[in-house]
């Protein structure tokens, strides 16, 4: 787990180099100087970080984690969006 650091009036956290390398973000092994990144608040203490490619951001709906969470919610609810009970 990382520690949240301060950068002026903002919080700062790093993305591990291995993740950037796996996703093809690095340019000759280095982080590109002008790489655009979007940070979106999803909810309390939860954030989505997306790295732009050719000026466009990846669609969160195409992310495996988001798909899994959506499917899990669907399986846990009835047709009216109410939590199903085990009784």
PDB file of N, CA and C in Angstrom:
ATOM      1  N   UNK A   1       0.846  -1.171   0.000  1.00  0.00           N
ATOM      2  CA  UNK A   1       0.000   0.000   0.000  1.00  0.00           C
ATOM      3  C   UNK A   1       0.898   1.243   0.000  1.00  0.00           C
ATOM      4  N   UNK A   2       0.475   2.256  -0.714  1.00  0.00           N
ATOM      5  CA  UNK A   2       1.241   3.496  -0.803  1.00  0.00           C
ATOM      6  C   UNK A   2       0.730   4.516   0.205  1.00  0.00           C
ATOM      7  N   UNK A   3       1.493   5.574   0.368  1.00  0.00           N
ATOM      8  CA  UNK A   3       1.073   6.676   1.229  1.00  0.00           C
ATOM      9  C   UNK A   3       0.679   7.859   0.357  1.00  0.00           C
ATOM     10  N   UNK A   4      -0.384   8.530   0.773  1.00  0.00           N
ATOM     11  CA  UNK A   4      -0.813   9.739   0.090  1.00  0.00           C
ATOM     12  C   UNK A   4       0.123  10.863   0.510  1.00  0.00           C
ATOM     13  N   UNK A   5       0.689  11.558  -0.470  1.00  0.00           N
ATOM     14  CA  UNK A   5       1.607  12.663  -0.194  1.00  0.00           C
ATOM     15  C   UNK A   5       0.985  13.973  -0.650  1.00  0.00           C
ATOM     16  N   UNK A   6       1.585  15.065  -0.222  1.00  0.00           N
ATOM     17  CA  UNK A   6       1.074  16.381  -0.621  1.00  0.00           C
ATOM     18  C   UNK A   6       1.902  16.943  -1.763  1.00  0.00           C
ATOM     19  N   UNK A   7       1.188  17.602  -2.671  1.00  0.00           N
ATOM     20  CA  UNK A   7       1.817  18.305  -3.787  1.00  0.00           C
ATOM     21  C   UNK A   7       1.073  19.624  -3.922  1.00  0.00           C
ATOM     22  N   UNK A   8       1.548  20.640  -3.215  1.00  0.00           N
ATOM     23  CA  UNK A   8       0.830  21.906  -3.175  1.00  0.00           C
ATOM     24  C   UNK A   8      -0.455  21.711  -2.400  1.00  0.00           C
ATOM     25  N   UNK A   9      -1.583  21.955  -3.052  1.00  0.00           N
ATOM     26  CA  UNK A   9      -2.871  21.788  -2.376  1.00  0.00           C
ATOM     27  C   UNK A   9      -3.557  20.478  -2.773  1.00  0.00           C
ATOM     28  N   UNK A  10      -2.841  19.611  -3.471  1.00  0.00           N
ATOM     29  CA  UNK A  10      -3.424  18.347  -3.935  1.00  0.00           C
ATOM     30  C   UNK A  10      -2.757  17.156  -3.266  1.00  0.00           C
ATOM     31  N   UNK A  11      -3.461  16.026  -3.292  1.00  0.00           N
ATOM     32  CA  UNK A  11      -2.879  14.770  -2.850  1.00  0.00           C
ATOM     33  C   UNK A  11      -2.166  14.119  -4.019  1.00  0.00           C
ATOM     34  N   UNK A  12      -1.131  13.372  -3.741  1.00  0.00           N
ATOM     35  CA  UNK A  12      -0.334  12.755  -4.800  1.00  0.00           C
ATOM     36  C   UNK A  12      -0.097  11.287  -4.471  1.00  0.00           C
ATOM     37  N   UNK A  13      -0.318  10.431  -5.458  1.00  0.00           N
ATOM     38  CA  UNK A  13      -0.022   9.008  -5.347  1.00  0.00           C
ATOM     39  C   UNK A  13       0.599   8.584  -6.676  1.00  0.00           C
ATOM     40  N   UNK A  14       1.427   7.562  -6.660  1.00  0.00           N
ATOM     41  CA  UNK A  14       2.101   7.148  -7.891  1.00  0.00           C
ATOM     42  C   UNK A  14       1.476   5.870  -8.443  1.00  0.00           C
ATOM     43  N   UNK A  15       1.657   5.664  -9.729  1.00  0.00           N
ATOM     44  CA  UNK A  15       1.248   4.423 -10.377  1.00  0.00           C
ATOM     45  C   UNK A  15       2.520   3.602 -10.567  1.00  0.00           C
ATOM     46  N   UNK A  16       2.550   2.386 -10.067  1.00  0.00           N
ATOM     47  CA  UNK A  16       3.760   1.565 -10.198  1.00  0.00           C
ATOM     48  C   UNK A  16       4.205   1.429 -11.659  1.00  0.00           C
ATOM     49  N   UNK A  17       5.494   1.523 -11.880  1.00  0.00           N
ATOM     50  CA  UNK A  17       6.084   1.436 -13.220  1.00  0.00           C
ATOM     51  C   UNK A  17       5.672   0.143 -13.917  1.00  0.00           C
ATOM     52  N   UNK A  18       5.596  -0.958 -13.176  1.00  0.00           N
ATOM     53  CA  UNK A  18       5.219  -2.249 -13.775  1.00  0.00           C
ATOM     54  C   UNK A  18       3.823  -2.179 -14.392  1.00  0.00           C
ATOM     55  N   UNK A  19       2.900  -1.450 -13.756  1.00  0.00           N
ATOM     56  CA  UNK A  19       1.544  -1.292 -14.304  1.00  0.00           C
ATOM     57  C   UNK A  19       1.597  -0.483 -15.594  1.00  0.00           C
ATOM     58  N   UNK A  20       2.357   0.614 -15.580  1.00  0.00           N
ATOM     59  CA  UNK A  20       2.475   1.468 -16.768  1.00  0.00           C
ATOM     60  C   UNK A  20       3.109   0.708 -17.927  1.00  0.00           C
ATOM     61  N   UNK A  21       4.105  -0.114 -17.602  1.00  0.00           N
ATOM     62  CA  UNK A  21       4.772  -0.906 -18.629  1.00  0.00           C
ATOM     63  C   UNK A  21       3.810  -1.950 -19.208  1.00  0.00           C
ATOM     64  N   UNK A  22       3.067  -2.626 -18.345  1.00  0.00           N
ATOM     65  CA  UNK A  22       2.109  -3.649 -18.777  1.00  0.00           C
ATOM     66  C   UNK A  22       1.061  -3.062 -19.722  1.00  0.00           C
ATOM     67  N   UNK A  23       0.659  -1.808 -19.477  1.00  0.00           N
ATOM     68  CA  UNK A  23      -0.381  -1.170 -20.280  1.00  0.00           C
ATOM     69  C   UNK A  23       0.170  -0.396 -21.477  1.00  0.00           C
ATOM     70  N   UNK A  24       1.473  -0.461 -21.701  1.00  0.00           N
ATOM     71  CA  UNK A  24       2.063   0.204 -22.860  1.00  0.00           C
ATOM     72  C   UNK A  24       2.096   1.716 -22.771  1.00  0.00           C
ATOM     73  N   UNK A  25       2.126   2.251 -21.545  1.00  0.00           N
ATOM     74  CA  UNK A  25       2.134   3.705 -21.357  1.00  0.00           C
ATOM     75  C   UNK A  25       3.548   4.267 -21.507  1.00  0.00           C
ATOM     76  N   UNK A  26       4.559   3.484 -21.136  1.00  0.00           N
ATOM     77  CA  UNK A  26       5.937   3.979 -21.167  1.00  0.00           C
ATOM     78  C   UNK A  26       6.425   4.143 -22.609  1.00  0.00           C
ATOM     79  N   UNK A  27       7.295   5.128 -22.792  1.00  0.00           N
ATOM     80  CA  UNK A  27       7.894   5.413 -24.093  1.00  0.00           C
ATOM     81  C   UNK A  27       9.392   5.170 -23.945  1.00  0.00           C
ATOM     82  N   UNK A  28       9.902   4.098 -24.555  1.00  0.00           N
ATOM     83  CA  UNK A  28      11.302   3.682 -24.390  1.00  0.00           C
ATOM     84  C   UNK A  28      11.657   3.535 -22.905  1.00  0.00           C
ATOM     85  N   UNK A  29      10.745   2.962 -22.136  1.00  0.00           N
ATOM     86  CA  UNK A  29      10.990   2.703 -20.724  1.00  0.00           C
ATOM     87  C   UNK A  29      10.781   3.891 -19.808  1.00  0.00           C
ATOM     88  N   UNK A  30      10.392   5.027 -20.355  1.00  0.00           N
ATOM     89  CA  UNK A  30      10.202   6.243 -19.558  1.00  0.00           C
ATOM     90  C   UNK A  30       8.758   6.721 -19.647  1.00  0.00           C
ATOM     91  N   UNK A  31       8.319   7.421 -18.597  1.00  0.00           N
ATOM     92  CA  UNK A  31       6.988   8.020 -18.607  1.00  0.00           C
ATOM     93  C   UNK A  31       7.019   9.232 -19.532  1.00  0.00           C
ATOM     94  N   UNK A  32       6.135   9.315 -20.523  1.00  0.00           N
ATOM     95  CA  UNK A  32       6.119  10.469 -21.428  1.00  0.00           C
ATOM     96  C   UNK A  32       5.865  11.768 -20.664  1.00  0.00           C
ATOM     97  N   UNK A  33       6.577  12.836 -21.066  1.00  0.00           N
ATOM     98  CA  UNK A  33       6.475  14.129 -20.369  1.00  0.00           C
ATOM     99  C   UNK A  33       5.076  14.717 -20.371  1.00  0.00           C
ATOM    100  N   UNK A  34       4.380  14.634 -21.459  1.00  0.00           N
ATOM    101  CA  UNK A  34       3.078  15.295 -21.590  1.00  0.00           C
ATOM    102  C   UNK A  34       1.912  14.312 -21.561  1.00  0.00           C
ATOM    103  N   UNK A  35       2.085  13.196 -20.870  1.00  0.00           N
ATOM    104  CA  UNK A  35       1.027  12.187 -20.822  1.00  0.00           C
ATOM    105  C   UNK A  35      -0.197  12.734 -20.092  1.00  0.00           C
ATOM    106  N   UNK A  36      -1.358  12.697 -20.747  1.00  0.00           N
ATOM    107  CA  UNK A  36      -2.592  13.184 -20.134  1.00  0.00           C
ATOM    108  C   UNK A  36      -3.229  12.076 -19.300  1.00  0.00           C
ATOM    109  N   UNK A  37      -3.693  12.468 -18.105  1.00  0.00           N
ATOM    110  CA  UNK A  37      -4.322  11.533 -17.172  1.00  0.00           C
ATOM    111  C   UNK A  37      -5.571  12.194 -16.612  1.00  0.00           C
ATOM    112  N   UNK A  38      -6.634  11.422 -16.460  1.00  0.00           N
ATOM    113  CA  UNK A  38      -7.876  11.917 -15.893  1.00  0.00           C
ATOM    114  C   UNK A  38      -8.136  11.204 -14.570  1.00  0.00           C
ATOM    115  N   UNK A  39      -8.511  11.969 -13.549  1.00  0.00           N
ATOM    116  CA  UNK A  39      -8.874  11.399 -12.251  1.00  0.00           C
ATOM    117  C   UNK A  39     -10.315  11.786 -11.977  1.00  0.00           C
ATOM    118  N   UNK A  40     -11.126  10.785 -11.684  1.00  0.00           N
ATOM    119  CA  UNK A  40     -12.547  11.001 -11.441  1.00  0.00           C
ATOM    120  C   UNK A  40     -12.908  10.410 -10.079  1.00  0.00           C
ATOM    121  N   UNK A  41     -13.687  11.143  -9.319  1.00  0.00           N
ATOM    122  CA  UNK A  41     -14.135  10.637  -8.018  1.00  0.00           C
ATOM    123  C   UNK A  41     -15.356   9.754  -8.226  1.00  0.00           C
ATOM    124  N   UNK A  42     -15.267   8.488  -7.802  1.00  0.00           N
ATOM    125  CA  UNK A  42     -16.373   7.551  -7.953  1.00  0.00           C
ATOM    126  C   UNK A  42     -17.311   7.577  -6.762  1.00  0.00           C
ATOM    127  N   UNK A  43     -16.777   7.850  -5.610  1.00  0.00           N
ATOM    128  CA  UNK A  43     -17.545   7.867  -4.368  1.00  0.00           C
ATOM    129  C   UNK A  43     -16.589   8.111  -3.223  1.00  0.00           C
ATOM    130  N   UNK A  44     -17.092   7.949  -2.024  1.00  0.00           N
ATOM    131  CA  UNK A  44     -16.261   8.219  -0.853  1.00  0.00           C
ATOM    132  C   UNK A  44     -15.000   7.351  -0.868  1.00  0.00           C
ATOM    133  N   UNK A  45     -13.856   8.010  -0.933  1.00  0.00           N
ATOM    134  CA  UNK A  45     -12.529   7.384  -0.906  1.00  0.00           C
ATOM    135  C   UNK A  45     -12.263   6.425  -2.065  1.00  0.00           C
ATOM    136  N   UNK A  46     -12.964   6.619  -3.173  1.00  0.00           N
ATOM    137  CA  UNK A  46     -12.770   5.773  -4.357  1.00  0.00           C
ATOM    138  C   UNK A  46     -12.598   6.658  -5.589  1.00  0.00           C
ATOM    139  N   UNK A  47     -11.540   6.396  -6.364  1.00  0.00           N
ATOM    140  CA  UNK A  47     -11.202   7.231  -7.516  1.00  0.00           C
ATOM    141  C   UNK A  47     -10.864   6.359  -8.711  1.00  0.00           C
ATOM    142  N   UNK A  48     -11.134   6.876  -9.891  1.00  0.00           N
ATOM    143  CA  UNK A  48     -10.809   6.209 -11.143  1.00  0.00           C
ATOM    144  C   UNK A  48      -9.737   7.031 -11.844  1.00  0.00           C
ATOM    145  N   UNK A  49      -8.620   6.394 -12.183  1.00  0.00           N
ATOM    146  CA  UNK A  49      -7.528   7.060 -12.898  1.00  0.00           C
ATOM    147  C   UNK A  49      -7.459   6.446 -14.288  1.00  0.00           C
ATOM    148  N   UNK A  50      -7.560   7.299 -15.324  1.00  0.00           N
ATOM    149  CA  UNK A  50      -7.472   6.825 -16.702  1.00  0.00           C
ATOM    150  C   UNK A  50      -6.371   7.575 -17.431  1.00  0.00           C
ATOM    151  N   UNK A  51      -5.588   6.833 -18.203  1.00  0.00           N
ATOM    152  CA  UNK A  51      -4.493   7.406 -18.983  1.00  0.00           C
ATOM    153  C   UNK A  51      -4.953   7.507 -20.432  1.00  0.00           C
ATOM    154  N   UNK A  52      -4.874   8.726 -20.978  1.00  0.00           N
ATOM    155  CA  UNK A  52      -5.321   8.962 -22.356  1.00  0.00           C
ATOM    156  C   UNK A  52      -4.375   8.314 -23.360  1.00  0.00           C
ATOM    157  N   UNK A  53      -4.965   7.895 -24.480  1.00  0.00           N
ATOM    158  CA  UNK A  53      -4.178   7.378 -25.598  1.00  0.00           C
ATOM    159  C   UNK A  53      -4.698   8.050 -26.856  1.00  0.00           C
ATOM    160  N   UNK A  54      -3.830   8.755 -27.561  1.00  0.00           N
ATOM    161  CA  UNK A  54      -4.225   9.508 -28.757  1.00  0.00           C
ATOM    162  C   UNK A  54      -5.354  10.487 -28.467  1.00  0.00           C
ATOM    163  N   UNK A  55      -5.328  11.094 -27.279  1.00  0.00           N
ATOM    164  CA  UNK A  55      -6.307  12.109 -26.912  1.00  0.00           C
ATOM    165  C   UNK A  55      -7.630  11.594 -26.377  1.00  0.00           C
ATOM    166  N   UNK A  56      -7.818  10.279 -26.341  1.00  0.00           N
ATOM    167  CA  UNK A  56      -9.088   9.753 -25.819  1.00  0.00           C
ATOM    168  C   UNK A  56      -8.832   8.868 -24.601  1.00  0.00           C
ATOM    169  N   UNK A  57      -9.839   8.840 -23.726  1.00  0.00           N
ATOM    170  CA  UNK A  57      -9.739   8.057 -22.496  1.00  0.00           C
ATOM    171  C   UNK A  57     -10.413   6.705 -22.668  1.00  0.00           C
ATOM    172  N   UNK A  58      -9.895   5.672 -22.011  1.00  0.00           N
ATOM    173  CA  UNK A  58     -10.562   4.373 -22.065  1.00  0.00           C
ATOM    174  C   UNK A  58     -11.953   4.468 -21.435  1.00  0.00           C
ATOM    175  N   UNK A  59     -12.903   3.744 -21.995  1.00  0.00           N
ATOM    176  CA  UNK A  59     -14.271   3.718 -21.476  1.00  0.00           C
ATOM    177  C   UNK A  59     -14.299   2.835 -20.230  1.00  0.00           C
ATOM    178  N   UNK A  60     -14.713   3.381 -19.082  1.00  0.00           N
ATOM    179  CA  UNK A  60     -14.730   2.575 -17.852  1.00  0.00           C
ATOM    180  C   UNK A  60     -15.622   1.335 -17.973  1.00  0.00           C
ATOM    181  N   UNK A  61     -16.657   1.393 -18.809  1.00  0.00           N
ATOM    182  CA  UNK A  61     -17.550   0.248 -18.956  1.00  0.00           C
ATOM    183  C   UNK A  61     -16.862  -0.944 -19.603  1.00  0.00           C
ATOM    184  N   UNK A  62     -15.731  -0.715 -20.258  1.00  0.00           N
ATOM    185  CA  UNK A  62     -14.993  -1.802 -20.900  1.00  0.00           C
ATOM    186  C   UNK A  62     -13.902  -2.371 -20.005  1.00  0.00           C
ATOM    187  N   UNK A  63     -13.830  -1.898 -18.781  1.00  0.00           N
ATOM    188  CA  UNK A  63     -12.834  -2.364 -17.810  1.00  0.00           C
ATOM    189  C   UNK A  63     -13.365  -3.620 -17.113  1.00  0.00           C
ATOM    190  N   UNK A  64     -12.549  -4.650 -16.990  1.00  0.00           N
ATOM    191  CA  UNK A  64     -12.983  -5.915 -16.393  1.00  0.00           C
ATOM    192  C   UNK A  64     -13.536  -5.735 -14.981  1.00  0.00           C
ATOM    193  N   UNK A  65     -12.922  -4.889 -14.196  1.00  0.00           N
ATOM    194  CA  UNK A  65     -13.370  -4.692 -12.814  1.00  0.00           C
ATOM    195  C   UNK A  65     -14.763  -4.078 -12.794  1.00  0.00           C
ATOM    196  N   UNK A  66     -14.997  -3.078 -13.635  1.00  0.00           N
ATOM    197  CA  UNK A  66     -16.312  -2.430 -13.689  1.00  0.00           C
ATOM    198  C   UNK A  66     -17.356  -3.429 -14.168  1.00  0.00           C
ATOM    199  N   UNK A  67     -17.040  -4.225 -15.187  1.00  0.00           N
ATOM    200  CA  UNK A  67     -17.973  -5.234 -15.675  1.00  0.00           C
ATOM    201  C   UNK A  67     -18.309  -6.252 -14.588  1.00  0.00           C
ATOM    202  N   UNK A  68     -17.301  -6.684 -13.840  1.00  0.00           N
ATOM    203  CA  UNK A  68     -17.525  -7.659 -12.780  1.00  0.00           C
ATOM    204  C   UNK A  68     -18.415  -7.087 -11.675  1.00  0.00           C
ATOM    205  N   UNK A  69     -18.161  -5.832 -11.287  1.00  0.00           N
ATOM    206  CA  UNK A  69     -18.972  -5.198 -10.248  1.00  0.00           C
ATOM    207  C   UNK A  69     -20.421  -5.013 -10.698  1.00  0.00           C
ATOM    208  N   UNK A  70     -20.607  -4.642 -11.959  1.00  0.00           N
ATOM    209  CA  UNK A  70     -21.969  -4.474 -12.489  1.00  0.00           C
ATOM    210  C   UNK A  70     -22.700  -5.812 -12.501  1.00  0.00           C
ATOM    211  N   UNK A  71     -22.030  -6.864 -12.940  1.00  0.00           N
ATOM    212  CA  UNK A  71     -22.648  -8.193 -12.969  1.00  0.00           C
ATOM    213  C   UNK A  71     -22.979  -8.665 -11.560  1.00  0.00           C
ATOM    214  N   UNK A  72     -22.086  -8.408 -10.625  1.00  0.00           N
ATOM    215  CA  UNK A  72     -22.320  -8.797  -9.235  1.00  0.00           C
ATOM    216  C   UNK A  72     -23.554  -8.081  -8.670  1.00  0.00           C
ATOM    217  N   UNK A  73     -23.681  -6.807  -8.972  1.00  0.00           N
ATOM    218  CA  UNK A  73     -24.847  -6.049  -8.492  1.00  0.00           C
ATOM    219  C   UNK A  73     -26.129  -6.601  -9.103  1.00  0.00           C
ATOM    220  N   UNK A  74     -26.100  -6.913 -10.398  1.00  0.00           N
ATOM    221  CA  UNK A  74     -27.282  -7.466 -11.064  1.00  0.00           C
ATOM    222  C   UNK A  74     -27.686  -8.797 -10.420  1.00  0.00           C
ATOM    223  N   UNK A  75     -26.716  -9.644 -10.127  1.00  0.00           N
ATOM    224  CA  UNK A  75     -27.014 -10.947  -9.527  1.00  0.00           C
ATOM    225  C   UNK A  75     -27.558 -10.810  -8.107  1.00  0.00           C
ATOM    226  N   UNK A  76     -27.207  -9.731  -7.419  1.00  0.00           N
ATOM    227  CA  UNK A  76     -27.635  -9.539  -6.037  1.00  0.00           C
ATOM    228  C   UNK A  76     -28.957  -8.795  -5.912  1.00  0.00           C
ATOM    229  N   UNK A  77     -29.537  -8.352  -7.029  1.00  0.00           N
ATOM    230  CA  UNK A  77     -30.782  -7.592  -6.987  1.00  0.00           C
ATOM    231  C   UNK A  77     -31.877  -8.302  -7.768  1.00  0.00           C
ATOM    232  N   UNK A  78     -33.125  -8.020  -7.390  1.00  0.00           N
ATOM    233  CA  UNK A  78     -34.238  -8.570  -8.161  1.00  0.00           C
ATOM    234  C   UNK A  78     -34.552  -7.621  -9.328  1.00  0.00           C
ATOM    235  N   UNK A  79     -35.618  -7.883 -10.042  1.00  0.00           N
ATOM    236  CA  UNK A  79     -35.970  -7.090 -11.232  1.00  0.00           C
ATOM    237  C   UNK A  79     -36.276  -5.629 -10.905  1.00  0.00           C
ATOM    238  N   UNK A  80     -36.567  -5.339  -9.630  1.00  0.00           N
ATOM    239  CA  UNK A  80     -36.894  -3.971  -9.225  1.00  0.00           C
ATOM    240  C   UNK A  80     -35.722  -3.262  -8.575  1.00  0.00           C
ATOM    241  N   UNK A  81     -34.515  -3.873  -8.605  1.00  0.00           N
ATOM    242  CA  UNK A  81     -33.337  -3.245  -8.028  1.00  0.00           C
ATOM    243  C   UNK A  81     -33.225  -3.395  -6.524  1.00  0.00           C
ATOM    244  N   UNK A  82     -34.078  -4.268  -5.938  1.00  0.00           N
ATOM    245  CA  UNK A  82     -34.025  -4.491  -4.493  1.00  0.00           C
ATOM    246  C   UNK A  82     -33.082  -5.629  -4.183  1.00  0.00           C
ATOM    247  N   UNK A  83     -32.362  -5.526  -3.061  1.00  0.00           N
ATOM    248  CA  UNK A  83     -31.471  -6.584  -2.632  1.00  0.00           C
ATOM    249  C   UNK A  83     -32.266  -7.876  -2.415  1.00  0.00           C
ATOM    250  N   UNK A  84     -31.766  -8.966  -2.959  1.00  0.00           N
ATOM    251  CA  UNK A  84     -32.416 -10.259  -2.744  1.00  0.00           C
ATOM    252  C   UNK A  84     -32.048 -10.781  -1.373  1.00  0.00           C
ATOM    253  N   UNK A  85     -32.973 -11.463  -0.730  1.00  0.00           N
ATOM    254  CA  UNK A  85     -32.737 -12.011   0.609  1.00  0.00           C
ATOM    255  C   UNK A  85     -32.661 -13.522   0.506  1.00  0.00           C
ATOM    256  N   UNK A  86     -31.927 -14.097   1.415  1.00  0.00           N
ATOM    257  CA  UNK A  86     -31.707 -15.539   1.400  1.00  0.00           C
ATOM    258  C   UNK A  86     -32.829 -16.325   2.068  1.00  0.00           C
ATOM    259  N   UNK A  87     -33.847 -15.676   2.613  1.00  0.00           N
ATOM    260  CA  UNK A  87     -34.907 -16.406   3.301  1.00  0.00           C
ATOM    261  C   UNK A  87     -35.950 -16.787   2.349  1.00  0.00           C
TER     262      UNK A  87
END
